[in-house]
Amino acid sequence: MTAASSRLVIHQPASTQDGDNFAEDVRAGLSSNPKSLKPKYFYDALGSQLFEAICLLPEYYLTRAEAEIFERRSAEIIAQLPPPISVVELGSGSSVKTRYLIEAALSRQRELLYQPIDISETILEQSAEKLLKDYPGLRIAGQVCDYTRNFAIAERRDKEKVLVLFLGSNVGNYTPDEARALLGQFRRALRPGDGLLLGADLKKSAAILEPAYDDALGVTAAFNLNLLLRINRELGGDFDPARFSHRAVFNEEQSRVEIHLVSLCQQKVNIRSLGLQVDFQAGETIHTENSYKYDLQQLASLAEAARFKPSRTWFDAEERFSCNFWLAEK
């Protein structure tokens, strides 16, 4: 056992059955009218790699804006809770931006427990290996699960505060009602005095938003179309991705970017393991994602509904993106 591996444990709760959930959700989503698929299923191993590529695109400002905040303000963010703390990250992915916060925490305490949660075991293992190599004071207790179903803090030491990270504007993937329910679920897993750091994209023009979700190179389109390929790989589907196109439109009334896959012709698709045939009309869509954009008042209302107290907000230099620290109240 290497020194790094002795500092790593990855939990896979017995109740985690993502493959079964995927099949059930695909059946329900493609049998509904209008058709839809849940955005959490973007992130299989290939989808996670495609999203990392999206984060490097010039149009996709969100990751750079959030990383800029962390680069400049990570010490202030960590200082919102007294030491010692542990850090839990929901939908951790590659944990690249999180490095700023890990470094800030390790600058004031000798050891840090980092608890990443992701549905991809491969991504968890790969990111953990890199982090443990770079930070000798780090210990990692990861969880392979869907945090919307199974969120729990795997480890907590006495007198230790927990900082939960919900970054990347992931909250924007949920309707306001869903977001309130999810944030309330997070709050119930925390103790008074713990904290939540919420990344949230801010309202802006369609001229900025739509290219961020429909880049010139077509990487976001490949990310969206990979949902169909995942159904083919895992459920025996016969989707032809060349018969679908990617669409991203800003709905100003709802303050959200809406992502769709558009059928380019009338067609039938079979999904063998589900015994399901899906009929598409030309122009019919599969709604795969929403990305809601917020203002500060709306964020404050979300916090209040979930029994958090807004404490600090940080912005990037162009004020496109916000990082919000909320304190868990009694």
Protein backbone atom coordinates (compact mmCIF):
# COMPACT_ATOMS: atom_id res chain seq x y z
CA MET A 1 0.00 0.00 0.00
CA THR A 2 1.42 3.39 -0.97
CA ALA A 3 1.33 6.40 1.34
CA ALA A 4 -1.24 7.99 -0.95
CA SER A 5 -3.53 4.95 -1.07
CA SER A 6 -3.49 4.73 2.73
CA ARG A 7 -5.07 8.21 2.77
CA LEU A 8 -7.88 7.27 0.38
CA VAL A 9 -11.17 5.50 0.87
CA ILE A 10 -14.05 5.51 -1.61
CA HIS A 11 -17.46 4.56 -0.25
CA GLN A 12 -20.14 3.10 -2.47
CA PRO A 13 -23.39 2.98 -0.49
CA ALA A 14 -25.32 -0.28 -0.82
CA SER A 15 -28.39 1.74 -1.82
CA THR A 16 -26.64 3.19 -4.87
CA GLN A 17 -28.14 1.63 -8.00
CA ASP A 18 -27.46 4.26 -10.63
CA GLY A 19 -27.75 1.81 -13.51
CA ASP A 20 -31.29 0.87 -12.46
CA ASN A 21 -32.19 4.52 -11.92
CA PHE A 22 -30.82 5.38 -15.35
CA ALA A 23 -32.99 2.76 -17.05
CA GLU A 24 -36.09 3.84 -15.13
CA ASP A 25 -35.50 7.53 -15.83
CA VAL A 26 -34.83 6.92 -19.54
CA ARG A 27 -38.06 4.96 -19.84
CA ALA A 28 -40.05 7.64 -18.03
CA GLY A 29 -38.43 10.57 -19.83
CA LEU A 30 -38.74 9.20 -23.36
CA SER A 31 -42.30 8.00 -22.76
CA SER A 32 -43.45 11.44 -21.61
CA ASN A 33 -44.76 14.32 -23.70
CA PRO A 34 -42.68 16.40 -24.14
CA LYS A 35 -39.70 14.04 -23.95
CA SER A 36 -36.88 14.71 -21.49
CA LEU A 37 -33.74 13.22 -19.96
CA LYS A 38 -32.17 14.21 -16.66
CA PRO A 39 -28.94 16.23 -16.91
CA LYS A 40 -27.19 14.25 -14.17
CA TYR A 41 -26.82 11.43 -16.71
CA PHE A 42 -24.47 13.54 -18.83
CA TYR A 43 -21.64 12.58 -16.51
CA ASP A 44 -20.53 9.08 -17.39
CA ALA A 45 -16.77 8.69 -17.94
CA LEU A 46 -16.88 10.14 -21.49
CA GLY A 47 -19.37 12.84 -20.56
CA SER A 48 -17.19 13.95 -17.66
CA GLN A 49 -14.20 14.26 -19.99
CA LEU A 50 -16.26 16.25 -22.50
CA PHE A 51 -17.38 18.59 -19.75
CA GLU A 52 -13.76 19.18 -18.75
CA ALA A 53 -13.15 20.21 -22.37
CA ILE A 54 -16.17 22.55 -22.27
CA CYS A 55 -14.64 24.29 -19.27
CA LEU A 56 -11.67 25.28 -21.45
CA LEU A 57 -13.76 26.84 -24.23
CA PRO A 58 -13.60 30.62 -24.72
CA GLU A 59 -17.41 30.89 -24.75
CA TYR A 60 -17.87 29.03 -21.47
CA TYR A 61 -17.04 31.76 -18.97
CA LEU A 62 -18.54 30.07 -15.90
CA THR A 63 -15.59 27.90 -14.91
CA ARG A 64 -13.03 30.67 -15.45
CA ALA A 65 -15.13 33.16 -13.48
CA GLU A 66 -15.53 30.80 -10.54
CA ALA A 67 -11.84 29.83 -10.62
CA GLU A 68 -10.94 33.53 -10.62
CA ILE A 69 -12.98 34.02 -7.45
CA PHE A 70 -11.24 31.08 -5.78
CA GLU A 71 -7.80 32.24 -6.87
CA ARG A 72 -8.38 35.67 -5.32
CA ARG A 73 -10.67 34.89 -2.40
CA SER A 74 -10.09 31.30 -1.23
CA ALA A 75 -8.52 32.38 2.08
CA GLU A 76 -11.55 34.60 2.81
CA ILE A 77 -13.93 31.79 1.91
CA ILE A 78 -12.21 29.27 4.19
CA ALA A 79 -12.08 31.88 6.97
CA GLN A 80 -15.89 31.91 7.15
CA LEU A 81 -15.71 28.83 9.40
CA PRO A 82 -13.44 28.36 12.43
CA PRO A 83 -10.86 25.56 12.22
CA PRO A 84 -10.76 22.65 12.05
CA ILE A 85 -12.97 22.04 9.04
CA SER A 86 -13.56 19.26 6.53
CA VAL A 87 -14.71 19.90 2.97
CA VAL A 88 -17.51 18.02 1.19
CA GLU A 89 -17.99 18.60 -2.54
CA LEU A 90 -21.16 17.64 -4.41
CA GLY A 91 -20.57 16.60 -8.01
CA SER A 92 -16.82 17.00 -7.59
CA GLY A 93 -15.66 15.98 -11.08
CA SER A 94 -11.94 16.63 -11.54
CA SER A 95 -11.75 18.89 -8.45
CA VAL A 96 -9.51 21.34 -10.32
CA LYS A 97 -11.05 24.56 -8.93
CA THR A 98 -11.28 23.00 -5.48
CA ARG A 99 -7.50 22.99 -5.24
CA TYR A 100 -7.55 26.69 -4.32
CA LEU A 101 -9.81 25.96 -1.34
CA ILE A 102 -7.82 22.88 -0.32
CA GLU A 103 -4.63 24.92 -0.30
CA ALA A 104 -6.27 27.70 1.72
CA ALA A 105 -7.54 25.18 4.29
CA LEU A 106 -4.16 23.44 4.56
CA SER A 107 -2.46 26.78 5.10
CA ARG A 108 -4.21 27.08 8.47
CA GLN A 109 -4.58 23.43 9.55
CA ARG A 110 -2.04 20.65 9.10
CA GLU A 111 -4.51 18.06 7.83
CA LEU A 112 -7.71 18.22 5.84
CA LEU A 113 -10.38 15.63 5.15
CA TYR A 114 -11.84 16.15 1.67
CA GLN A 115 -15.05 14.26 0.87
CA PRO A 116 -15.86 14.40 -2.87
CA ILE A 117 -19.17 12.96 -4.07
CA ASP A 118 -19.67 11.98 -7.70
CA ILE A 119 -21.61 9.40 -9.69
CA SER A 120 -18.44 8.46 -11.63
CA GLU A 121 -16.08 6.19 -9.68
CA THR A 122 -13.49 6.61 -12.44
CA ILE A 123 -13.43 10.39 -12.07
CA LEU A 124 -13.24 10.12 -8.27
CA GLU A 125 -10.27 7.76 -8.43
CA GLN A 126 -8.41 9.80 -11.03
CA SER A 127 -8.86 13.12 -9.24
CA ALA A 128 -8.03 11.60 -5.83
CA GLU A 129 -4.76 10.16 -7.13
CA LYS A 130 -3.63 13.60 -8.34
CA LEU A 131 -4.73 15.43 -5.20
CA LEU A 132 -3.06 13.01 -2.78
CA LYS A 133 0.17 13.23 -4.72
CA ASP A 134 0.19 17.03 -4.49
CA TYR A 135 -1.05 17.51 -0.90
CA PRO A 136 0.58 15.31 1.76
CA GLY A 137 -1.71 16.74 4.45
CA LEU A 138 -4.84 15.65 2.58
CA ARG A 139 -7.01 12.63 3.31
CA ILE A 140 -9.87 11.73 0.95
CA ALA A 141 -13.10 9.90 1.74
CA GLY A 142 -15.05 9.85 -1.51
CA GLN A 143 -18.59 8.65 -2.17
CA VAL A 144 -19.82 7.14 -5.44
CA CYS A 145 -23.47 8.13 -5.42
CA ASP A 146 -26.13 10.49 -6.67
CA TYR A 147 -26.10 13.25 -4.06
CA THR A 148 -29.69 14.17 -4.90
CA ARG A 149 -30.78 10.75 -3.60
CA ASN A 150 -28.17 9.66 -1.08
CA PHE A 151 -26.49 12.76 0.34
CA ALA A 152 -24.91 12.14 3.71
CA ILE A 153 -21.64 13.19 5.28
CA ALA A 154 -19.55 10.03 5.42
CA GLU A 155 -17.16 11.17 8.15
CA ARG A 156 -17.17 13.89 10.77
CA ARG A 157 -14.75 14.41 13.62
CA ASP A 158 -15.72 15.93 16.96
CA LYS A 159 -15.69 19.74 17.01
CA GLU A 160 -15.09 19.85 13.26
CA LYS A 161 -17.18 22.13 11.06
CA VAL A 162 -18.17 20.99 7.58
CA LEU A 163 -18.02 23.18 4.48
CA VAL A 164 -20.18 21.81 1.67
CA LEU A 165 -19.31 22.91 -1.87
CA PHE A 166 -22.08 23.05 -4.47
CA LEU A 167 -20.20 24.70 -7.30
CA GLY A 168 -20.28 25.39 -11.02
CA SER A 169 -23.84 26.75 -10.99
CA ASN A 170 -25.14 23.19 -10.59
CA VAL A 171 -28.07 24.69 -8.70
CA GLY A 172 -29.18 26.16 -12.04
CA ASN A 173 -30.02 22.68 -13.36
CA TYR A 174 -33.04 22.52 -11.06
CA THR A 175 -36.32 24.39 -11.16
CA PRO A 176 -36.70 26.87 -8.28
CA ASP A 177 -38.97 24.41 -6.43
CA GLU A 178 -36.50 21.56 -6.98
CA ALA A 179 -33.62 23.78 -5.88
CA ARG A 180 -35.39 24.68 -2.64
CA ALA A 181 -36.08 21.02 -1.91
CA LEU A 182 -32.51 19.97 -2.70
CA LEU A 183 -30.94 22.74 -0.62
CA GLY A 184 -33.28 21.78 2.22
CA GLN A 185 -32.00 18.22 1.95
CA PHE A 186 -28.42 19.49 2.23
CA ARG A 187 -29.36 21.55 5.26
CA ARG A 188 -30.83 18.54 7.05
CA ALA A 189 -27.50 16.72 6.68
CA LEU A 190 -25.63 19.62 8.33
CA ARG A 191 -25.36 20.88 11.87
CA PRO A 192 -25.84 24.50 12.98
CA GLY A 193 -22.60 26.35 12.34
CA ASP A 194 -21.67 24.35 9.23
CA GLY A 195 -21.48 26.16 5.89
CA LEU A 196 -22.53 25.83 2.26
CA LEU A 197 -20.63 27.49 -0.59
CA LEU A 198 -22.99 27.85 -3.54
CA GLY A 199 -21.79 28.77 -7.02
CA ALA A 200 -24.54 30.51 -9.00
CA ASP A 201 -24.48 32.09 -12.43
CA LEU A 202 -26.01 35.56 -12.66
CA LYS A 203 -28.58 36.98 -15.06
CA LYS A 204 -27.18 38.44 -18.28
CA SER A 205 -27.99 38.82 -21.97
CA ALA A 206 -28.77 36.02 -24.40
CA ALA A 207 -25.83 37.22 -26.51
CA ILE A 208 -23.49 36.01 -23.75
CA LEU A 209 -25.48 33.04 -22.49
CA GLU A 210 -26.37 31.17 -25.67
CA PRO A 211 -22.80 30.84 -27.04
CA ALA A 212 -21.71 29.52 -23.62
CA TYR A 213 -24.00 26.52 -24.22
CA ASP A 214 -23.55 26.23 -27.99
CA ASP A 215 -19.86 26.74 -28.75
CA ALA A 216 -18.38 27.14 -32.19
CA LEU A 217 -16.33 23.92 -31.96
CA GLY A 218 -19.35 21.81 -31.15
CA VAL A 219 -17.98 20.37 -27.90
CA THR A 220 -21.21 21.14 -26.02
CA ALA A 221 -23.17 19.49 -28.82
CA ALA A 222 -21.02 16.34 -28.43
CA PHE A 223 -21.60 16.46 -24.67
CA ASN A 224 -25.36 16.61 -25.22
CA LEU A 225 -25.38 13.91 -27.91
CA ASN A 226 -23.34 11.62 -25.67
CA LEU A 227 -26.57 11.06 -23.71
CA LEU A 228 -27.91 9.18 -26.73
CA LEU A 229 -24.67 7.22 -27.08
CA ARG A 230 -24.84 6.33 -23.38
CA ILE A 231 -28.33 4.91 -23.91
CA ASN A 232 -26.93 2.90 -26.83
CA ARG A 233 -23.97 1.62 -24.77
CA GLU A 234 -25.78 0.81 -21.55
CA LEU A 235 -29.35 0.04 -22.57
CA GLY A 236 -29.00 -1.38 -26.07
CA GLY A 237 -30.42 1.63 -27.90
CA ASP A 238 -30.05 2.25 -31.62
CA PHE A 239 -29.99 6.06 -31.63
CA ASP A 240 -28.20 7.54 -34.65
CA PRO A 241 -26.70 10.78 -33.29
CA ALA A 242 -26.41 12.12 -36.86
CA ARG A 243 -30.22 12.31 -36.86
CA PHE A 244 -30.27 14.73 -33.93
CA SER A 245 -28.94 18.24 -33.43
CA HIS A 246 -28.07 20.29 -30.36
CA ARG A 247 -30.08 23.40 -29.45
CA ALA A 248 -29.49 25.98 -26.70
CA VAL A 249 -31.96 28.87 -26.27
CA PHE A 250 -32.26 31.48 -23.53
CA ASN A 251 -35.80 31.72 -22.18
CA GLU A 252 -35.81 35.25 -20.79
CA GLU A 253 -39.20 34.93 -19.10
CA GLN A 254 -38.03 31.89 -17.11
CA SER A 255 -34.46 33.24 -16.81
CA ARG A 256 -32.96 29.97 -17.97
CA VAL A 257 -30.99 28.50 -20.85
CA GLU A 258 -32.87 25.50 -22.22
CA ILE A 259 -30.91 22.65 -23.81
CA HIS A 260 -32.54 20.24 -26.25
CA LEU A 261 -31.74 17.44 -28.66
CA VAL A 262 -33.77 17.96 -31.84
CA SER A 263 -34.89 15.10 -34.07
CA LEU A 264 -33.96 16.02 -37.65
CA CYS A 265 -36.50 13.65 -39.20
CA GLN A 266 -39.41 11.37 -38.43
CA GLN A 267 -37.87 8.23 -36.95
CA LYS A 268 -38.25 5.28 -34.60
CA VAL A 269 -35.66 4.37 -31.98
CA ASN A 270 -35.53 1.03 -30.17
CA ILE A 271 -34.05 0.53 -26.71
CA ARG A 272 -33.58 -3.20 -26.40
CA SER A 273 -33.09 -3.67 -22.65
CA LEU A 274 -36.23 -1.63 -21.96
CA GLY A 275 -38.33 -3.30 -24.65
CA LEU A 276 -39.18 0.24 -25.71
CA GLN A 277 -39.79 1.82 -29.11
CA VAL A 278 -39.71 5.60 -29.18
CA ASP A 279 -41.34 7.53 -32.03
CA PHE A 280 -40.03 10.97 -33.02
CA GLN A 281 -41.56 13.53 -35.31
CA ALA A 282 -39.29 15.80 -37.34
CA GLY A 283 -38.43 18.78 -35.11
CA GLU A 284 -39.50 17.02 -31.91
CA THR A 285 -37.09 17.57 -29.04
CA ILE A 286 -35.71 15.85 -25.96
CA HIS A 287 -35.27 18.43 -23.21
CA THR A 288 -31.97 17.54 -21.54
CA GLU A 289 -31.09 20.49 -19.30
CA ASN A 290 -32.09 23.83 -17.86
CA SER A 291 -29.58 26.33 -16.56
CA TYR A 292 -31.32 28.95 -14.43
CA LYS A 293 -29.71 32.35 -13.92
CA TYR A 294 -30.20 34.19 -10.64
CA ASP A 295 -30.05 37.61 -9.06
CA LEU A 296 -28.99 38.15 -5.44
CA GLN A 297 -32.53 38.54 -4.13
CA GLN A 298 -33.57 35.22 -5.61
CA LEU A 299 -30.52 33.56 -4.07
CA ALA A 300 -31.34 35.05 -0.68
CA SER A 301 -34.87 33.66 -0.96
CA LEU A 302 -33.48 30.20 -1.74
CA ALA A 303 -31.25 30.39 1.32
CA GLU A 304 -34.06 31.45 3.62
CA ALA A 305 -36.37 28.69 2.37
CA ALA A 306 -33.70 26.07 3.13
CA ARG A 307 -32.83 27.50 6.60
CA PHE A 308 -29.48 28.96 5.63
CA LYS A 309 -28.31 32.47 6.46
CA PRO A 310 -26.56 34.29 3.59
CA SER A 311 -23.26 35.59 4.94
CA ARG A 312 -20.87 36.60 2.12
CA THR A 313 -20.94 36.81 -1.67
CA TRP A 314 -17.94 37.10 -3.97
CA PHE A 315 -17.91 37.99 -7.68
CA ASP A 316 -15.44 37.70 -10.53
CA ALA A 317 -14.03 40.97 -11.91
CA GLU A 318 -16.78 41.26 -14.54
CA GLU A 319 -19.53 40.29 -12.05
CA ARG A 320 -20.78 37.47 -14.25
CA PHE A 321 -20.74 34.80 -11.54
CA SER A 322 -21.28 34.58 -7.80
CA CYS A 323 -19.93 32.40 -4.99
CA ASN A 324 -22.21 32.56 -1.97
CA PHE A 325 -21.39 31.45 1.57
CA TRP A 326 -24.44 30.44 3.59
CA LEU A 327 -24.36 29.49 7.25
CA ALA A 328 -26.50 26.62 8.54
CA GLU A 329 -28.81 28.15 11.15
CA LYS A 330 -30.38 26.46 14.17
